[in-house]
Amino acid sequence: MSHIFRKFFFIQTSIAISCWAIAMLVLFPSCTEKKRPLAAAIQKRDSLPFMKSLDVTTLISDSGITRYRIKTKEWMIFDKKEPSYWSFEKGLYLEKFDTTYHVEASIKADTAYYYDKKKLWELRGHVLIKNLQGDRFSTEQLFWDQMQNKVYSSKYISIKKSGRTINGYGFESNQEMTVYKIHKTSGALPIDDRKIAPPDTTKH
């Protein structure tokens, strides 16, 4: 997961900075223009985003092959906040393709935050993840710590795996979400009704 986001944000940051520079050249008045009265400047910029991008859709290639697609309706960077962070308050969606462009894995969240100095992701809302093994994870909050290479949550989580569903509170995993541990688990196994004989009511 880590290399996916590194490539994505390197590309998006380059695009955003280029667009920002063009906008400044277009909107900033020349020195020869007559000065106009301006409103009082905002002194505390920590409440304003350094960058805001709308309707972002990005395809990312790996070794010349398109392998990832990322979508978000709004991406903002608050570089002056403490701690600084990137916000995706209108949702974040990522897909990973195989060589035939079939979706292998995906991540979806109603809201996402990335704390850049801590290298920590926080996914909120309806968080849905499908890993490369086809396991499906559903929870309302999930953290991904890139520095410690782990994913975790203290919330209720449901996992659909190999025809069964496992539920629990509290979750820890590697960042590929292939080796994981659930706290306070409960599971449900599929039952074939045809193999269950009805009770014999003729015996007393």
N, C-alpha and C. Protein backbone atom coordinates (compact mmCIF):
# COMPACT_ATOMS: atom_id res chain seq x y z
N MET A 1 0.82 -1.20 0.00
CA MET A 1 0.00 0.00 0.00
C MET A 1 0.86 1.26 0.00
N SER A 2 2.02 1.22 0.68
CA SER A 2 2.82 2.43 0.85
C SER A 2 3.33 2.97 -0.47
N HIS A 3 3.81 2.09 -1.38
CA HIS A 3 4.35 2.60 -2.64
C HIS A 3 3.27 3.16 -3.52
N ILE A 4 2.03 2.68 -3.35
CA ILE A 4 0.91 3.22 -4.12
C ILE A 4 0.72 4.69 -3.81
N PHE A 5 0.62 5.03 -2.51
CA PHE A 5 0.36 6.40 -2.11
C PHE A 5 1.54 7.31 -2.35
N ARG A 6 2.77 6.78 -2.24
CA ARG A 6 3.93 7.62 -2.52
C ARG A 6 3.91 8.10 -3.95
N LYS A 7 3.65 7.18 -4.90
CA LYS A 7 3.59 7.57 -6.31
C LYS A 7 2.45 8.54 -6.57
N PHE A 8 1.31 8.26 -5.96
CA PHE A 8 0.13 9.09 -6.16
C PHE A 8 0.36 10.53 -5.72
N PHE A 9 0.88 10.72 -4.52
CA PHE A 9 1.04 12.07 -4.01
C PHE A 9 2.19 12.81 -4.65
N PHE A 10 3.21 12.10 -5.15
CA PHE A 10 4.28 12.76 -5.89
C PHE A 10 3.72 13.35 -7.17
N ILE A 11 2.89 12.58 -7.87
CA ILE A 11 2.29 13.06 -9.12
C ILE A 11 1.32 14.19 -8.85
N GLN A 12 0.43 14.01 -7.85
CA GLN A 12 -0.59 15.01 -7.57
C GLN A 12 0.01 16.30 -7.08
N THR A 13 1.06 16.22 -6.25
CA THR A 13 1.68 17.43 -5.74
C THR A 13 2.33 18.22 -6.87
N SER A 14 2.98 17.52 -7.81
CA SER A 14 3.59 18.20 -8.96
C SER A 14 2.54 18.91 -9.79
N ILE A 15 1.42 18.22 -10.05
CA ILE A 15 0.34 18.83 -10.83
C ILE A 15 -0.23 20.03 -10.10
N ALA A 16 -0.48 19.87 -8.78
CA ALA A 16 -1.10 20.94 -8.00
C ALA A 16 -0.21 22.17 -7.95
N ILE A 17 1.09 21.98 -7.76
CA ILE A 17 2.01 23.12 -7.68
C ILE A 17 2.06 23.85 -9.02
N SER A 18 2.05 23.10 -10.12
CA SER A 18 2.06 23.72 -11.44
C SER A 18 0.81 24.55 -11.67
N CYS A 19 -0.35 23.99 -11.30
CA CYS A 19 -1.61 24.71 -11.46
C CYS A 19 -1.63 25.96 -10.58
N TRP A 20 -1.11 25.83 -9.37
CA TRP A 20 -1.09 26.97 -8.44
C TRP A 20 -0.22 28.09 -8.99
N ALA A 21 0.93 27.74 -9.57
CA ALA A 21 1.83 28.75 -10.13
C ALA A 21 1.19 29.48 -11.30
N ILE A 22 0.50 28.74 -12.15
CA ILE A 22 -0.19 29.36 -13.29
C ILE A 22 -1.28 30.30 -12.80
N ALA A 23 -2.03 29.85 -11.80
CA ALA A 23 -3.11 30.69 -11.25
C ALA A 23 -2.56 31.98 -10.68
N MET A 24 -1.44 31.91 -10.00
CA MET A 24 -0.83 33.11 -9.42
C MET A 24 -0.41 34.10 -10.51
N LEU A 25 0.13 33.58 -11.61
CA LEU A 25 0.56 34.45 -12.70
C LEU A 25 -0.63 35.15 -13.35
N VAL A 26 -1.74 34.41 -13.46
CA VAL A 26 -2.94 34.97 -14.11
C VAL A 26 -3.64 35.96 -13.20
N LEU A 27 -3.75 35.63 -11.89
CA LEU A 27 -4.57 36.43 -11.00
C LEU A 27 -3.82 37.58 -10.34
N PHE A 28 -2.51 37.46 -10.21
CA PHE A 28 -1.76 38.49 -9.50
C PHE A 28 -1.63 39.75 -10.37
N PRO A 29 -2.03 40.94 -9.91
CA PRO A 29 -1.99 42.16 -10.73
C PRO A 29 -0.56 42.60 -11.00
N SER A 30 -0.33 43.20 -12.15
CA SER A 30 1.01 43.67 -12.50
C SER A 30 1.35 44.92 -11.69
N CYS A 31 2.64 45.24 -11.65
CA CYS A 31 3.11 46.38 -10.85
C CYS A 31 2.65 47.71 -11.43
N THR A 32 2.32 47.72 -12.72
CA THR A 32 1.96 48.98 -13.37
C THR A 32 0.49 49.33 -13.17
N GLU A 33 -0.30 48.36 -12.68
CA GLU A 33 -1.72 48.65 -12.50
C GLU A 33 -1.92 49.57 -11.31
N LYS A 34 -3.01 50.33 -11.36
CA LYS A 34 -3.36 51.20 -10.25
C LYS A 34 -3.79 50.36 -9.06
N LYS A 35 -3.27 50.68 -7.91
CA LYS A 35 -3.59 49.92 -6.72
C LYS A 35 -5.04 50.16 -6.31
N ARG A 36 -5.69 49.07 -5.92
CA ARG A 36 -7.08 49.14 -5.49
C ARG A 36 -7.15 48.87 -4.00
N PRO A 37 -8.15 49.42 -3.33
CA PRO A 37 -8.28 49.14 -1.89
C PRO A 37 -8.55 47.67 -1.66
N LEU A 38 -7.89 47.10 -0.69
CA LEU A 38 -8.02 45.68 -0.40
C LEU A 38 -8.59 45.48 0.99
N ALA A 39 -9.24 44.34 1.15
CA ALA A 39 -9.76 43.99 2.47
C ALA A 39 -8.60 43.62 3.38
N ALA A 40 -8.84 43.63 4.65
CA ALA A 40 -7.80 43.28 5.61
C ALA A 40 -7.32 41.86 5.38
N ALA A 41 -6.03 41.68 5.41
CA ALA A 41 -5.45 40.36 5.17
C ALA A 41 -5.75 39.42 6.32
N ILE A 42 -5.89 38.16 5.97
CA ILE A 42 -6.09 37.15 7.00
C ILE A 42 -4.75 36.86 7.65
N GLN A 43 -4.65 37.09 8.94
CA GLN A 43 -3.38 36.96 9.63
C GLN A 43 -3.03 35.50 9.93
N LYS A 44 -4.03 34.70 10.29
CA LYS A 44 -3.78 33.32 10.66
C LYS A 44 -4.13 32.40 9.49
N ARG A 45 -3.11 32.01 8.74
CA ARG A 45 -3.37 31.15 7.58
C ARG A 45 -3.53 29.70 7.97
N ASP A 46 -3.35 29.38 9.25
CA ASP A 46 -3.44 27.98 9.65
C ASP A 46 -4.85 27.41 9.46
N SER A 47 -5.84 28.30 9.32
CA SER A 47 -7.20 27.83 9.10
C SER A 47 -7.51 27.62 7.62
N LEU A 48 -6.59 27.99 6.76
CA LEU A 48 -6.81 27.89 5.32
C LEU A 48 -5.91 26.82 4.71
N PRO A 49 -6.39 26.09 3.70
CA PRO A 49 -5.55 25.08 3.05
C PRO A 49 -4.50 25.72 2.15
N PHE A 50 -3.33 25.13 2.12
CA PHE A 50 -2.29 25.57 1.20
C PHE A 50 -2.68 25.23 -0.24
N MET A 51 -3.38 24.12 -0.41
CA MET A 51 -3.79 23.68 -1.73
C MET A 51 -5.14 22.99 -1.66
N LYS A 52 -5.96 23.18 -2.69
CA LYS A 52 -7.25 22.51 -2.79
C LYS A 52 -7.46 22.07 -4.22
N SER A 53 -7.72 20.77 -4.42
CA SER A 53 -7.97 20.21 -5.74
C SER A 53 -9.32 19.51 -5.73
N LEU A 54 -10.09 19.66 -6.81
CA LEU A 54 -11.42 19.08 -6.90
C LEU A 54 -11.49 18.04 -8.02
N ASP A 55 -12.33 17.03 -7.80
CA ASP A 55 -12.59 15.99 -8.80
C ASP A 55 -11.28 15.41 -9.36
N VAL A 56 -10.48 14.87 -8.47
CA VAL A 56 -9.19 14.29 -8.87
C VAL A 56 -9.38 12.83 -9.25
N THR A 57 -8.95 12.46 -10.44
CA THR A 57 -8.90 11.06 -10.88
C THR A 57 -7.53 10.82 -11.49
N THR A 58 -6.81 9.84 -10.98
CA THR A 58 -5.44 9.61 -11.40
C THR A 58 -5.21 8.14 -11.71
N LEU A 59 -4.60 7.88 -12.86
CA LEU A 59 -4.14 6.55 -13.22
C LEU A 59 -2.63 6.51 -13.02
N ILE A 60 -2.15 5.49 -12.36
CA ILE A 60 -0.72 5.38 -12.05
C ILE A 60 -0.16 4.13 -12.70
N SER A 61 0.97 4.29 -13.38
CA SER A 61 1.62 3.17 -14.07
C SER A 61 2.76 2.61 -13.25
N ASP A 62 3.00 1.32 -13.42
CA ASP A 62 4.13 0.64 -12.79
C ASP A 62 4.82 -0.17 -13.87
N SER A 63 6.07 0.20 -14.20
CA SER A 63 6.83 -0.46 -15.27
C SER A 63 6.09 -0.37 -16.60
N GLY A 64 5.46 0.77 -16.85
CA GLY A 64 4.78 1.00 -18.12
C GLY A 64 3.39 0.41 -18.21
N ILE A 65 2.89 -0.20 -17.14
CA ILE A 65 1.57 -0.82 -17.14
C ILE A 65 0.69 -0.08 -16.13
N THR A 66 -0.52 0.28 -16.55
CA THR A 66 -1.45 0.96 -15.65
C THR A 66 -1.89 -0.02 -14.56
N ARG A 67 -1.58 0.29 -13.31
CA ARG A 67 -1.88 -0.63 -12.22
C ARG A 67 -2.81 -0.05 -11.16
N TYR A 68 -2.95 1.28 -11.09
CA TYR A 68 -3.74 1.88 -10.01
C TYR A 68 -4.64 3.00 -10.54
N ARG A 69 -5.78 3.17 -9.89
CA ARG A 69 -6.65 4.31 -10.15
C ARG A 69 -7.11 4.88 -8.82
N ILE A 70 -6.99 6.19 -8.67
CA ILE A 70 -7.38 6.87 -7.44
C ILE A 70 -8.38 7.96 -7.77
N LYS A 71 -9.44 8.04 -6.97
CA LYS A 71 -10.48 9.04 -7.17
C LYS A 71 -10.78 9.74 -5.85
N THR A 72 -10.98 11.05 -5.92
CA THR A 72 -11.45 11.82 -4.77
C THR A 72 -12.12 13.08 -5.28
N LYS A 73 -13.18 13.51 -4.62
CA LYS A 73 -13.87 14.73 -5.03
C LYS A 73 -13.20 15.98 -4.51
N GLU A 74 -12.46 15.85 -3.42
CA GLU A 74 -11.81 17.03 -2.85
C GLU A 74 -10.57 16.61 -2.07
N TRP A 75 -9.47 17.30 -2.37
CA TRP A 75 -8.20 17.04 -1.68
C TRP A 75 -7.62 18.37 -1.24
N MET A 76 -7.40 18.52 0.08
CA MET A 76 -6.85 19.76 0.62
C MET A 76 -5.63 19.46 1.48
N ILE A 77 -4.67 20.38 1.46
CA ILE A 77 -3.46 20.26 2.27
C ILE A 77 -3.41 21.43 3.25
N PHE A 78 -3.39 21.11 4.55
CA PHE A 78 -3.27 22.12 5.60
C PHE A 78 -1.86 22.03 6.17
N ASP A 79 -0.96 22.80 5.59
CA ASP A 79 0.45 22.71 5.98
C ASP A 79 0.78 23.48 7.25
N LYS A 80 -0.10 24.39 7.68
CA LYS A 80 0.17 25.20 8.86
C LYS A 80 -0.56 24.69 10.11
N LYS A 81 -1.34 23.68 9.97
CA LYS A 81 -2.02 23.10 11.13
C LYS A 81 -1.01 22.35 12.00
N GLU A 82 -1.37 22.15 13.25
CA GLU A 82 -0.55 21.37 14.16
C GLU A 82 -1.37 20.20 14.72
N PRO A 83 -1.13 18.99 14.23
CA PRO A 83 -0.14 18.64 13.21
C PRO A 83 -0.67 18.95 11.81
N SER A 84 0.23 19.09 10.86
CA SER A 84 -0.17 19.32 9.47
C SER A 84 -0.79 18.03 8.91
N TYR A 85 -1.70 18.19 7.96
CA TYR A 85 -2.36 17.00 7.40
C TYR A 85 -2.95 17.29 6.02
N TRP A 86 -3.26 16.22 5.32
CA TRP A 86 -4.00 16.29 4.05
C TRP A 86 -5.38 15.73 4.31
N SER A 87 -6.41 16.34 3.76
CA SER A 87 -7.77 15.87 4.02
C SER A 87 -8.49 15.50 2.73
N PHE A 88 -9.27 14.44 2.84
CA PHE A 88 -10.14 13.97 1.75
C PHE A 88 -11.53 13.81 2.37
N GLU A 89 -12.18 14.92 2.65
CA GLU A 89 -13.41 14.88 3.43
C GLU A 89 -14.63 14.47 2.61
N LYS A 90 -14.48 14.39 1.30
CA LYS A 90 -15.59 13.95 0.45
C LYS A 90 -15.34 12.56 -0.13
N GLY A 91 -14.45 11.82 0.52
CA GLY A 91 -14.25 10.43 0.14
C GLY A 91 -12.95 10.18 -0.60
N LEU A 92 -12.48 8.94 -0.51
CA LEU A 92 -11.26 8.50 -1.19
C LEU A 92 -11.49 7.07 -1.67
N TYR A 93 -11.10 6.80 -2.93
CA TYR A 93 -11.27 5.46 -3.50
C TYR A 93 -10.03 5.10 -4.29
N LEU A 94 -9.52 3.89 -4.07
CA LEU A 94 -8.34 3.42 -4.78
C LEU A 94 -8.58 2.01 -5.28
N GLU A 95 -8.16 1.73 -6.52
CA GLU A 95 -8.25 0.40 -7.10
C GLU A 95 -6.88 -0.05 -7.56
N LYS A 96 -6.59 -1.34 -7.43
CA LYS A 96 -5.36 -1.92 -7.98
C LYS A 96 -5.76 -2.93 -9.05
N PHE A 97 -5.16 -2.80 -10.24
CA PHE A 97 -5.48 -3.67 -11.37
C PHE A 97 -4.44 -4.78 -11.52
N ASP A 98 -4.87 -5.91 -12.13
CA ASP A 98 -3.90 -6.89 -12.57
C ASP A 98 -3.52 -6.55 -14.02
N THR A 99 -2.78 -7.43 -14.68
CA THR A 99 -2.28 -7.13 -16.03
C THR A 99 -3.40 -7.09 -17.07
N THR A 100 -4.58 -7.64 -16.74
CA THR A 100 -5.72 -7.60 -17.66
C THR A 100 -6.73 -6.52 -17.26
N TYR A 101 -6.32 -5.62 -16.36
CA TYR A 101 -7.13 -4.50 -15.88
C TYR A 101 -8.34 -4.95 -15.06
N HIS A 102 -8.25 -6.13 -14.50
CA HIS A 102 -9.26 -6.58 -13.55
C HIS A 102 -8.89 -6.06 -12.17
N VAL A 103 -9.89 -5.59 -11.42
CA VAL A 103 -9.62 -5.02 -10.10
C VAL A 103 -9.25 -6.12 -9.12
N GLU A 104 -8.02 -6.06 -8.59
CA GLU A 104 -7.54 -7.05 -7.63
C GLU A 104 -7.84 -6.65 -6.20
N ALA A 105 -7.63 -5.38 -5.89
CA ALA A 105 -7.79 -4.90 -4.52
C ALA A 105 -8.34 -3.49 -4.55
N SER A 106 -8.98 -3.07 -3.46
CA SER A 106 -9.57 -1.73 -3.44
C SER A 106 -9.66 -1.21 -2.00
N ILE A 107 -9.67 0.11 -1.88
CA ILE A 107 -9.84 0.80 -0.60
C ILE A 107 -10.85 1.91 -0.81
N LYS A 108 -11.84 2.00 0.07
CA LYS A 108 -12.86 3.04 -0.03
C LYS A 108 -13.19 3.56 1.35
N ALA A 109 -13.29 4.89 1.47
CA ALA A 109 -13.64 5.50 2.76
C ALA A 109 -14.44 6.77 2.51
N ASP A 110 -15.39 7.05 3.41
CA ASP A 110 -16.17 8.29 3.30
C ASP A 110 -15.29 9.51 3.52
N THR A 111 -14.32 9.38 4.43
CA THR A 111 -13.42 10.48 4.77
C THR A 111 -12.03 9.90 5.05
N ALA A 112 -10.99 10.63 4.66
CA ALA A 112 -9.63 10.18 4.93
C ALA A 112 -8.76 11.36 5.29
N TYR A 113 -7.82 11.13 6.21
CA TYR A 113 -6.84 12.14 6.61
C TYR A 113 -5.45 11.50 6.57
N TYR A 114 -4.48 12.26 6.11
CA TYR A 114 -3.10 11.80 6.12
C TYR A 114 -2.25 12.82 6.88
N TYR A 115 -1.68 12.38 8.01
CA TYR A 115 -0.81 13.24 8.82
C TYR A 115 0.62 13.02 8.33
N ASP A 116 1.07 13.97 7.50
CA ASP A 116 2.30 13.76 6.73
C ASP A 116 3.54 13.60 7.59
N LYS A 117 3.66 14.34 8.69
CA LYS A 117 4.85 14.23 9.53
C LYS A 117 4.89 12.91 10.28
N LYS A 118 3.73 12.41 10.65
CA LYS A 118 3.65 11.13 11.35
C LYS A 118 3.58 9.95 10.39
N LYS A 119 3.33 10.24 9.11
CA LYS A 119 3.12 9.19 8.10
C LYS A 119 1.99 8.26 8.55
N LEU A 120 0.90 8.88 8.97
CA LEU A 120 -0.23 8.15 9.52
C LEU A 120 -1.50 8.46 8.74
N TRP A 121 -2.18 7.42 8.27
CA TRP A 121 -3.47 7.55 7.60
C TRP A 121 -4.59 7.23 8.58
N GLU A 122 -5.68 7.99 8.46
CA GLU A 122 -6.89 7.69 9.21
C GLU A 122 -8.06 7.65 8.23
N LEU A 123 -8.74 6.52 8.16
CA LEU A 123 -9.91 6.34 7.29
C LEU A 123 -11.15 6.29 8.17
N ARG A 124 -12.20 7.03 7.79
CA ARG A 124 -13.41 7.13 8.60
C ARG A 124 -14.66 6.86 7.76
N GLY A 125 -15.76 6.66 8.50
CA GLY A 125 -17.05 6.46 7.84
C GLY A 125 -17.23 5.01 7.45
N HIS A 126 -17.77 4.77 6.26
CA HIS A 126 -17.88 3.41 5.74
C HIS A 126 -16.55 3.05 5.09
N VAL A 127 -15.71 2.36 5.83
CA VAL A 127 -14.39 1.97 5.34
C VAL A 127 -14.49 0.54 4.82
N LEU A 128 -14.25 0.37 3.53
CA LEU A 128 -14.34 -0.93 2.88
C LEU A 128 -13.02 -1.23 2.18
N ILE A 129 -12.45 -2.40 2.46
CA ILE A 129 -11.16 -2.79 1.87
C ILE A 129 -11.26 -4.23 1.37
N LYS A 130 -10.74 -4.46 0.17
CA LYS A 130 -10.60 -5.82 -0.35
C LYS A 130 -9.13 -6.06 -0.63
N ASN A 131 -8.53 -7.10 -0.01
CA ASN A 131 -7.12 -7.35 -0.23
C ASN A 131 -6.89 -8.26 -1.43
N LEU A 132 -5.63 -8.58 -1.71
CA LEU A 132 -5.29 -9.38 -2.89
C LEU A 132 -5.80 -10.81 -2.79
N GLN A 133 -6.10 -11.26 -1.58
CA GLN A 133 -6.63 -12.61 -1.39
C GLN A 133 -8.14 -12.67 -1.52
N GLY A 134 -8.77 -11.50 -1.71
CA GLY A 134 -10.22 -11.45 -1.84
C GLY A 134 -10.96 -11.28 -0.54
N ASP A 135 -10.25 -11.18 0.58
CA ASP A 135 -10.91 -10.94 1.87
C ASP A 135 -11.46 -9.51 1.88
N ARG A 136 -12.64 -9.35 2.48
CA ARG A 136 -13.29 -8.04 2.51
C ARG A 136 -13.42 -7.56 3.96
N PHE A 137 -12.96 -6.35 4.20
CA PHE A 137 -12.95 -5.76 5.54
C PHE A 137 -13.92 -4.57 5.57
N SER A 138 -14.69 -4.49 6.62
CA SER A 138 -15.65 -3.39 6.78
C SER A 138 -15.59 -2.88 8.21
N THR A 139 -15.39 -1.56 8.37
CA THR A 139 -15.34 -0.95 9.69
C THR A 139 -15.67 0.52 9.56
N GLU A 140 -15.72 1.24 10.69
CA GLU A 140 -16.04 2.66 10.65
C GLU A 140 -14.82 3.55 10.87
N GLN A 141 -13.71 2.94 11.25
CA GLN A 141 -12.48 3.71 11.45
C GLN A 141 -11.27 2.78 11.36
N LEU A 142 -10.26 3.21 10.62
CA LEU A 142 -9.08 2.39 10.44
C LEU A 142 -7.85 3.29 10.34
N PHE A 143 -6.77 2.90 11.02
CA PHE A 143 -5.51 3.64 10.97
C PHE A 143 -4.46 2.82 10.24
N TRP A 144 -3.63 3.51 9.46
CA TRP A 144 -2.51 2.85 8.79
C TRP A 144 -1.25 3.63 9.13
N ASP A 145 -0.39 3.02 9.92
CA ASP A 145 0.87 3.64 10.36
C ASP A 145 1.98 3.17 9.42
N GLN A 146 2.43 4.06 8.54
CA GLN A 146 3.46 3.70 7.57
C GLN A 146 4.82 3.51 8.23
N MET A 147 5.07 4.20 9.32
CA MET A 147 6.37 4.09 9.99
C MET A 147 6.52 2.74 10.67
N GLN A 148 5.41 2.21 11.17
CA GLN A 148 5.46 0.91 11.84
C GLN A 148 4.94 -0.22 10.96
N ASN A 149 4.56 0.13 9.72
CA ASN A 149 4.09 -0.88 8.75
C ASN A 149 2.95 -1.72 9.29
N LYS A 150 1.96 -1.04 9.90
CA LYS A 150 0.84 -1.79 10.43
C LYS A 150 -0.47 -1.04 10.24
N VAL A 151 -1.56 -1.80 10.25
CA VAL A 151 -2.92 -1.27 10.15
C VAL A 151 -3.65 -1.70 11.42
N TYR A 152 -4.46 -0.80 11.99
CA TYR A 152 -5.13 -1.17 13.24
C TYR A 152 -6.42 -0.37 13.42
N SER A 153 -7.27 -0.86 14.31
CA SER A 153 -8.52 -0.19 14.65
C SER A 153 -9.00 -0.69 16.00
N SER A 154 -9.68 0.16 16.73
CA SER A 154 -10.30 -0.24 18.00
C SER A 154 -11.81 -0.41 17.83
N LYS A 155 -12.31 -0.16 16.63
CA LYS A 155 -13.75 -0.21 16.37
C LYS A 155 -14.20 -1.61 15.95
N TYR A 156 -15.50 -1.74 15.84
CA TYR A 156 -16.10 -2.99 15.34
C TYR A 156 -15.65 -3.22 13.90
N ILE A 157 -15.30 -4.47 13.59
CA ILE A 157 -14.85 -4.80 12.24
C ILE A 157 -15.48 -6.11 11.80
N SER A 158 -15.82 -6.21 10.52
CA SER A 158 -16.39 -7.42 9.96
C SER A 158 -15.51 -7.85 8.78
N ILE A 159 -15.15 -9.14 8.75
CA ILE A 159 -14.29 -9.67 7.69
C ILE A 159 -14.99 -10.84 7.04
N LYS A 160 -15.15 -10.78 5.72
CA LYS A 160 -15.69 -11.89 4.95
C LYS A 160 -14.53 -12.61 4.29
N LYS A 161 -14.36 -13.88 4.67
CA LYS A 161 -13.20 -14.64 4.23
C LYS A 161 -13.57 -16.09 3.97
N SER A 162 -13.34 -16.55 2.76
CA SER A 162 -13.51 -17.98 2.40
C SER A 162 -14.85 -18.55 2.84
N GLY A 163 -15.93 -17.84 2.51
CA GLY A 163 -17.25 -18.36 2.80
C GLY A 163 -17.73 -18.19 4.22
N ARG A 164 -17.00 -17.48 5.05
CA ARG A 164 -17.44 -17.24 6.41
C ARG A 164 -17.24 -15.78 6.78
N THR A 165 -17.90 -15.35 7.84
CA THR A 165 -17.80 -13.98 8.31
C THR A 165 -17.27 -13.98 9.74
N ILE A 166 -16.26 -13.16 9.98
CA ILE A 166 -15.68 -13.02 11.31
C ILE A 166 -15.89 -11.58 11.77
N ASN A 167 -16.43 -11.42 12.96
CA ASN A 167 -16.68 -10.09 13.52
C ASN A 167 -15.89 -9.92 14.82
N GLY A 168 -15.63 -8.69 15.17
CA GLY A 168 -14.94 -8.45 16.42
C GLY A 168 -14.71 -6.97 16.67
N TYR A 169 -14.16 -6.68 17.84
CA TYR A 169 -13.79 -5.31 18.22
C TYR A 169 -12.28 -5.27 18.42
N GLY A 170 -11.63 -4.38 17.70
CA GLY A 170 -10.18 -4.29 17.77
C GLY A 170 -9.54 -5.14 16.70
N PHE A 171 -8.54 -4.57 16.02
CA PHE A 171 -7.95 -5.22 14.84
C PHE A 171 -6.52 -4.75 14.66
N GLU A 172 -5.62 -5.69 14.34
CA GLU A 172 -4.24 -5.36 14.01
C GLU A 172 -3.82 -6.20 12.81
N SER A 173 -3.02 -5.58 11.92
CA SER A 173 -2.65 -6.28 10.69
C SER A 173 -1.34 -5.72 10.15
N ASN A 174 -0.69 -6.50 9.26
CA ASN A 174 0.38 -5.93 8.47
C ASN A 174 -0.24 -5.01 7.43
N GLN A 175 0.56 -4.18 6.75
CA GLN A 175 -0.03 -3.16 5.88
C GLN A 175 -0.59 -3.75 4.58
N GLU A 176 -0.27 -5.01 4.26
CA GLU A 176 -0.91 -5.67 3.12
C GLU A 176 -2.25 -6.28 3.51
N MET A 177 -2.54 -6.32 4.80
CA MET A 177 -3.77 -6.87 5.36
C MET A 177 -3.94 -8.33 4.98
N THR A 178 -2.84 -9.07 5.04
CA THR A 178 -2.86 -10.51 4.77
C THR A 178 -2.60 -11.33 6.04
N VAL A 179 -1.96 -10.72 7.04
CA VAL A 179 -1.73 -11.37 8.34
C VAL A 179 -2.31 -10.46 9.40
N TYR A 180 -3.37 -10.91 10.05
CA TYR A 180 -4.06 -10.02 10.98
C TYR A 180 -4.59 -10.75 12.19
N LYS A 181 -4.93 -9.96 13.22
CA LYS A 181 -5.46 -10.46 14.48
C LYS A 181 -6.65 -9.62 14.87
N ILE A 182 -7.72 -10.29 15.30
CA ILE A 182 -8.94 -9.60 15.72
C ILE A 182 -9.16 -9.87 17.21
N HIS A 183 -9.49 -8.83 17.95
CA HIS A 183 -9.77 -8.97 19.38
C HIS A 183 -11.27 -9.18 19.58
N LYS A 184 -11.62 -9.95 20.59
CA LYS A 184 -13.04 -10.20 20.93
C LYS A 184 -13.79 -10.67 19.70
N THR A 185 -13.35 -11.76 19.13
CA THR A 185 -13.92 -12.24 17.87
C THR A 185 -15.19 -13.05 18.08
N SER A 186 -15.97 -13.08 17.01
CA SER A 186 -17.12 -13.98 16.90
C SER A 186 -17.26 -14.30 15.43
N GLY A 187 -17.59 -15.55 15.10
CA GLY A 187 -17.63 -15.94 13.69
C GLY A 187 -18.90 -16.68 13.36
N ALA A 188 -19.22 -16.70 12.07
CA ALA A 188 -20.39 -17.41 11.58
C ALA A 188 -19.96 -18.26 10.41
N LEU A 189 -20.20 -19.58 10.49
CA LEU A 189 -19.84 -20.49 9.41
C LEU A 189 -21.08 -20.84 8.60
N PRO A 190 -20.95 -21.06 7.28
CA PRO A 190 -22.10 -21.43 6.47
C PRO A 190 -22.60 -22.82 6.84
N ILE A 191 -23.90 -23.00 6.86
CA ILE A 191 -24.51 -24.28 7.23
C ILE A 191 -25.39 -24.75 6.10
N ASP A 192 -25.25 -26.03 5.71
CA ASP A 192 -26.07 -26.63 4.67
C ASP A 192 -27.26 -27.29 5.34
N ASP A 193 -28.47 -26.72 5.15
CA ASP A 193 -29.67 -27.23 5.81
C ASP A 193 -29.99 -28.67 5.42
N ARG A 194 -29.54 -29.08 4.22
CA ARG A 194 -29.87 -30.43 3.76
C ARG A 194 -29.17 -31.50 4.59
N LYS A 195 -28.11 -31.12 5.30
CA LYS A 195 -27.35 -32.09 6.08
C LYS A 195 -27.83 -32.17 7.53
N ILE A 196 -28.84 -31.40 7.87
CA ILE A 196 -29.36 -31.40 9.23
C ILE A 196 -30.69 -32.13 9.25
N ALA A 197 -30.77 -33.25 9.94
CA ALA A 197 -32.01 -34.03 9.98
C ALA A 197 -32.98 -33.40 10.97
N PRO A 198 -34.26 -33.33 10.63
CA PRO A 198 -35.24 -32.75 11.56
C PRO A 198 -35.38 -33.65 12.78
N PRO A 199 -35.76 -33.11 13.91
CA PRO A 199 -35.91 -33.92 15.13
C PRO A 199 -37.04 -34.95 14.97
N ASP A 200 -36.84 -36.14 15.56
CA ASP A 200 -37.84 -37.21 15.48
C ASP A 200 -38.87 -36.99 16.59
N THR A 201 -40.05 -36.54 16.18
CA THR A 201 -41.10 -36.22 17.18
C THR A 201 -41.93 -37.43 17.56
N THR A 202 -41.64 -38.62 16.94
CA THR A 202 -42.42 -39.80 17.26
C THR A 202 -41.92 -40.50 18.51
N LYS A 203 -40.67 -40.19 18.93
CA LYS A 203 -40.11 -40.80 20.12
C LYS A 203 -40.47 -40.00 21.36
N HIS A 204 -40.72 -40.72 22.45
CA HIS A 204 -41.07 -40.08 23.72
C HIS A 204 -40.09 -40.50 24.78
